[in-house]
C-alpha atoms as a PDB file:
ATOM      1  CA  UNK A   1     116.776 104.920 129.485  1.00  0.00           C
ATOM      2  CA  UNK A   2     118.559 101.731 130.299  1.00  0.00           C
ATOM      3  CA  UNK A   3     115.365  99.705 130.763  1.00  0.00           C
ATOM      4  CA  UNK A   4     114.721  96.851 128.343  1.00  0.00           C
ATOM      5  CA  UNK A   5     112.200  98.255 125.881  1.00  0.00           C
ATOM      6  CA  UNK A   6     110.629  97.508 122.549  1.00  0.00           C
ATOM      7  CA  UNK A   7     108.938  99.879 120.102  1.00  0.00           C
ATOM      8  CA  UNK A   8     105.445  99.054 118.932  1.00  0.00           C
ATOM      9  CA  UNK A   9     103.474 101.472 116.703  1.00  0.00           C
ATOM     10  CA  UNK A  10     105.502 104.476 117.934  1.00  0.00           C
ATOM     11  CA  UNK A  11     104.726 103.575 121.569  1.00  0.00           C
ATOM     12  CA  UNK A  12     107.225 102.253 124.039  1.00  0.00           C
ATOM     13  CA  UNK A  13     106.366  98.729 125.091  1.00  0.00           C
ATOM     14  CA  UNK A  14     108.147  97.709 128.262  1.00  0.00           C
ATOM     15  CA  UNK A  15     109.342  94.174 128.829  1.00  0.00           C
ATOM     16  CA  UNK A  16     108.790  93.285 132.506  1.00  0.00           C
ATOM     17  CA  UNK A  17     111.736  92.044 134.525  1.00  0.00           C
ATOM     18  CA  UNK A  18     111.759  88.318 135.330  1.00  0.00           C
ATOM     19  CA  UNK A  19     109.688  87.322 138.357  1.00  0.00           C
ATOM     20  CA  UNK A  20     111.138  84.758 140.735  1.00  0.00           C
ATOM     21  CA  UNK A  21     109.396  82.573 143.310  1.00  0.00           C
ATOM     22  CA  UNK A  22     107.404  84.586 145.821  1.00  0.00           C
ATOM     23  CA  UNK A  23     107.683  87.771 143.746  1.00  0.00           C
ATOM     24  CA  UNK A  24     105.113  89.919 141.981  1.00  0.00           C
ATOM     25  CA  UNK A  25     105.529  92.172 138.960  1.00  0.00           C
ATOM     26  CA  UNK A  26     104.362  95.764 138.984  1.00  0.00           C
ATOM     27  CA  UNK A  27     103.252  95.052 135.417  1.00  0.00           C
ATOM     28  CA  UNK A  28     100.581  92.713 136.788  1.00  0.00           C
ATOM     29  CA  UNK A  29      99.216  95.422 139.081  1.00  0.00           C
ATOM     30  CA  UNK A  30      95.820  96.835 138.033  1.00  0.00           C
ATOM     31  CA  UNK A  31      94.761 100.063 136.410  1.00  0.00           C
ATOM     32  CA  UNK A  32      92.779 101.699 137.901  1.00  0.00           C
ATOM     33  CA  UNK A  33      94.738 101.201 141.134  1.00  0.00           C
ATOM     34  CA  UNK A  34      93.664  98.840 143.912  1.00  0.00           C
ATOM     35  CA  UNK A  35      94.013  99.363 147.674  1.00  0.00           C
ATOM     36  CA  UNK A  36      94.648  96.267 149.778  1.00  0.00           C
ATOM     37  CA  UNK A  37      95.511  95.515 153.406  1.00  0.00           C
ATOM     38  CA  UNK A  38      99.068  94.581 154.348  1.00  0.00           C
ATOM     39  CA  UNK A  39      99.592  91.728 156.781  1.00  0.00           C
ATOM     40  CA  UNK A  40     103.208  92.534 157.644  1.00  0.00           C
ATOM     41  CA  UNK A  41     104.778  94.853 160.197  1.00  0.00           C
ATOM     42  CA  UNK A  42     105.478  98.293 158.726  1.00  0.00           C
ATOM     43  CA  UNK A  43     108.095 100.431 160.449  1.00  0.00           C
ATOM     44  CA  UNK A  44     109.441 103.905 159.653  1.00  0.00           C
ATOM     45  CA  UNK A  45     112.574 105.500 161.151  1.00  0.00           C
ATOM     46  CA  UNK A  46     113.414 109.204 160.922  1.00  0.00           C
ATOM     47  CA  UNK A  47     116.129 111.065 162.809  1.00  0.00           C
ATOM     48  CA  UNK A  48     117.169 107.790 164.404  1.00  0.00           C
ATOM     49  CA  UNK A  49     113.731 107.393 166.019  1.00  0.00           C
ATOM     50  CA  UNK A  50     110.942 105.006 165.073  1.00  0.00           C
ATOM     51  CA  UNK A  51     108.145 107.375 164.097  1.00  0.00           C
ATOM     52  CA  UNK A  52     105.690 104.708 162.921  1.00  0.00           C
ATOM     53  CA  UNK A  53     105.235 101.048 163.733  1.00  0.00           C
ATOM     54  CA  UNK A  54     102.095  99.137 162.831  1.00  0.00           C
ATOM     55  CA  UNK A  55     100.600  95.829 161.847  1.00  0.00           C
ATOM     56  CA  UNK A  56      97.666  97.677 160.249  1.00  0.00           C
ATOM     57  CA  UNK A  57      98.504  99.286 156.920  1.00  0.00           C
ATOM     58  CA  UNK A  58      97.380  99.408 153.303  1.00  0.00           C
ATOM     59  CA  UNK A  59      99.237  99.414 150.032  1.00  0.00           C
ATOM     60  CA  UNK A  60      98.152 100.948 146.760  1.00  0.00           C
ATOM     61  CA  UNK A  61      98.942  98.889 143.651  1.00  0.00           C
ATOM     62  CA  UNK A  62      99.034 100.484 140.198  1.00  0.00           C
ATOM     63  CA  UNK A  63     100.500  99.230 136.934  1.00  0.00           C
ATOM     64  CA  UNK A  64     104.230 100.019 136.566  1.00  0.00           C
ATOM     65  CA  UNK A  65     104.551 101.642 140.007  1.00  0.00           C
ATOM     66  CA  UNK A  66     106.131 100.178 143.139  1.00  0.00           C
ATOM     67  CA  UNK A  67     103.522  99.807 145.916  1.00  0.00           C
ATOM     68  CA  UNK A  68     102.727 102.868 148.007  1.00  0.00           C
ATOM     69  CA  UNK A  69     102.086 102.323 151.703  1.00  0.00           C
ATOM     70  CA  UNK A  70      99.518 104.117 153.838  1.00  0.00           C
ATOM     71  CA  UNK A  71      99.509 103.927 157.614  1.00  0.00           C
ATOM     72  CA  UNK A  72      96.655 104.776 159.948  1.00  0.00           C
ATOM     73  CA  UNK A  73      97.256 108.077 161.788  1.00  0.00           C
ATOM     74  CA  UNK A  74      97.444 106.249 165.126  1.00  0.00           C
ATOM     75  CA  UNK A  75     100.511 104.339 163.852  1.00  0.00           C
ATOM     76  CA  UNK A  76     102.537 107.558 164.099  1.00  0.00           C
ATOM     77  CA  UNK A  77     104.439 108.228 167.312  1.00  0.00           C
ATOM     78  CA  UNK A  78     102.974 111.118 169.338  1.00  0.00           C
ATOM     79  CA  UNK A  79     104.377 114.444 168.196  1.00  0.00           C
ATOM     80  CA  UNK A  80     105.474 113.177 164.771  1.00  0.00           C
ATOM     81  CA  UNK A  81     105.341 116.110 162.342  1.00  0.00           C
ATOM     82  CA  UNK A  82     103.153 115.450 159.336  1.00  0.00           C
ATOM     83  CA  UNK A  83     103.906 118.597 157.362  1.00  0.00           C
ATOM     84  CA  UNK A  84     107.043 120.342 156.122  1.00  0.00           C
ATOM     85  CA  UNK A  85     108.134 117.920 153.415  1.00  0.00           C
ATOM     86  CA  UNK A  86     108.600 114.872 155.612  1.00  0.00           C
ATOM     87  CA  UNK A  87     106.391 112.873 153.309  1.00  0.00           C
ATOM     88  CA  UNK A  88     103.669 112.263 155.873  1.00  0.00           C
ATOM     89  CA  UNK A  89     100.263 113.774 155.336  1.00  0.00           C
ATOM     90  CA  UNK A  90      97.895 114.003 158.310  1.00  0.00           C
ATOM     91  CA  UNK A  91      94.869 112.735 156.406  1.00  0.00           C
ATOM     92  CA  UNK A  92      96.263 109.468 155.110  1.00  0.00           C
ATOM     93  CA  UNK A  93      99.792 109.059 156.520  1.00  0.00           C
ATOM     94  CA  UNK A  94     101.332 108.154 153.172  1.00  0.00           C
ATOM     95  CA  UNK A  95     105.057 107.681 153.712  1.00  0.00           C
ATOM     96  CA  UNK A  96     107.701 108.597 151.129  1.00  0.00           C
ATOM     97  CA  UNK A  97     110.636 106.282 151.931  1.00  0.00           C
ATOM     98  CA  UNK A  98     113.195 108.554 150.244  1.00  0.00           C
ATOM     99  CA  UNK A  99     112.491 111.213 152.881  1.00  0.00           C
ATOM    100  CA  UNK A 100     112.985 108.846 155.827  1.00  0.00           C
ATOM    101  CA  UNK A 101     116.122 107.286 157.330  1.00  0.00           C
ATOM    102  CA  UNK A 102     114.741 103.836 156.635  1.00  0.00           C
ATOM    103  CA  UNK A 103     111.411 102.064 156.107  1.00  0.00           C
ATOM    104  CA  UNK A 104     110.724  98.371 156.593  1.00  0.00           C
ATOM    105  CA  UNK A 105     108.155  95.938 155.234  1.00  0.00           C
ATOM    106  CA  UNK A 106     108.408  93.005 157.597  1.00  0.00           C
ATOM    107  CA  UNK A 107     112.138  92.816 158.340  1.00  0.00           C
ATOM    108  CA  UNK A 108     113.206  94.034 154.892  1.00  0.00           C
ATOM    109  CA  UNK A 109     114.624  97.491 154.325  1.00  0.00           C
ATOM    110  CA  UNK A 110     112.776  99.336 151.563  1.00  0.00           C
ATOM    111  CA  UNK A 111     114.489 100.976 148.592  1.00  0.00           C
ATOM    112  CA  UNK A 112     113.033 104.293 147.441  1.00  0.00           C
ATOM    113  CA  UNK A 113     112.352 104.647 143.710  1.00  0.00           C
ATOM    114  CA  UNK A 114     114.420 107.093 141.656  1.00  0.00           C
ATOM    115  CA  UNK A 115     113.711 110.705 142.620  1.00  0.00           C
ATOM    116  CA  UNK A 116     111.111 109.543 145.168  1.00  0.00           C
ATOM    117  CA  UNK A 117     108.652 108.966 142.352  1.00  0.00           C
ATOM    118  CA  UNK A 118     105.166 108.839 143.877  1.00  0.00           C
ATOM    119  CA  UNK A 119     106.533 107.539 147.158  1.00  0.00           C
ATOM    120  CA  UNK A 120     106.734 103.891 146.094  1.00  0.00           C
ATOM    121  CA  UNK A 121     108.343 101.243 148.274  1.00  0.00           C
ATOM    122  CA  UNK A 122     110.620  98.748 146.500  1.00  0.00           C
ATOM    123  CA  UNK A 123     111.393  95.396 148.141  1.00  0.00           C
ATOM    124  CA  UNK A 124     112.922  92.172 146.864  1.00  0.00           C
ATOM    125  CA  UNK A 125     109.393  90.793 146.399  1.00  0.00           C
ATOM    126  CA  UNK A 126     108.568  93.310 143.650  1.00  0.00           C
ATOM    127  CA  UNK A 127     109.903  93.158 140.077  1.00  0.00           C
ATOM    128  CA  UNK A 128     110.046  96.143 137.702  1.00  0.00           C
ATOM    129  CA  UNK A 129     111.096  97.970 135.745  1.00  0.00           C
ATOM    130  CA  UNK A 130     109.502 100.805 137.698  1.00  0.00           C
ATOM    131  CA  UNK A 131     108.059 104.040 136.423  1.00  0.00           C
ATOM    132  CA  UNK A 132     110.002 107.075 137.586  1.00  0.00           C
ATOM    133  CA  UNK A 133     113.529 106.320 136.385  1.00  0.00           C
ATOM    134  CA  UNK A 134     115.032 108.529 133.678  1.00  0.00           C
ATOM    135  CA  UNK A 135     113.514 107.640 130.306  1.00  0.00           C
ATOM    136  CA  UNK A 136     110.239 106.304 131.702  1.00  0.00           C
ATOM    137  CA  UNK A 137     108.187 109.470 131.269  1.00  0.00           C
ATOM    138  CA  UNK A 138     106.355 108.130 128.191  1.00  0.00           C
ATOM    139  CA  UNK A 139     105.250 104.807 129.681  1.00  0.00           C
END
């Protein structure tokens, strides 16, 4: 609800948000998803401590979803818990930004998608609308 939509043959057709210079639209992301390296510093803070800091990361791109970031296990600070709902899994170190104090892509603070949907990372370089908000279940 609230997203600009059109109906087409009883399906919801979403109109992508405008894309400005230097931006990309999640509606141009592929399906099936694509994994690609990230050439920016990725930093994660939890409990006031930096628990991950790396220049080696990957992002997963999938149509209508904000990118999801994966960090190599050695990017995690020693002793960082990877279980218990923190949003870090020991096998792939996927980070859910809504469960952290703050996450950064480069110097930009990430915004978590509504309800932590799939752990996407929203920055000013990514245009939506994004899957996961109320009313987007049928996209």
